[in-house]
């Protein structure tokens, strides 16, 4: 399982970052249509204060957000992807998959920013 987030440079608004990551999820999951048209499929989760307390705070701080911003937003949205091939740990195989993953994510981000 690979957990990750997207954060725009200069963004100090955790709510805005959460929205961006939820938008990526929408475009890289079943939400926007048939998953068979997706080269990259992801899921997401929200680590919210009522459920997790401040356990995500160190991660949120590592992204450049303050404790106050964490308390204001009340959650962090994290994307999750399952690596479904045992061959990704082989460098040659990784070199085949990595550009495809990058292109698929780039496409999703371009779709998000074209919509806004």
Foldseek 3Di string as FASTA:
>chain_A
DDKAFDDDPPDQAQLVRQVLRVLLQCLQDPNVHDNVVAPHHKHKDKDFCVVNNCPCVVVVVVVVYDPVNCVVNRIHMMIGGDDPDPCCVPVVVVVVVVVSVVVRSVVSSVVVVVVD
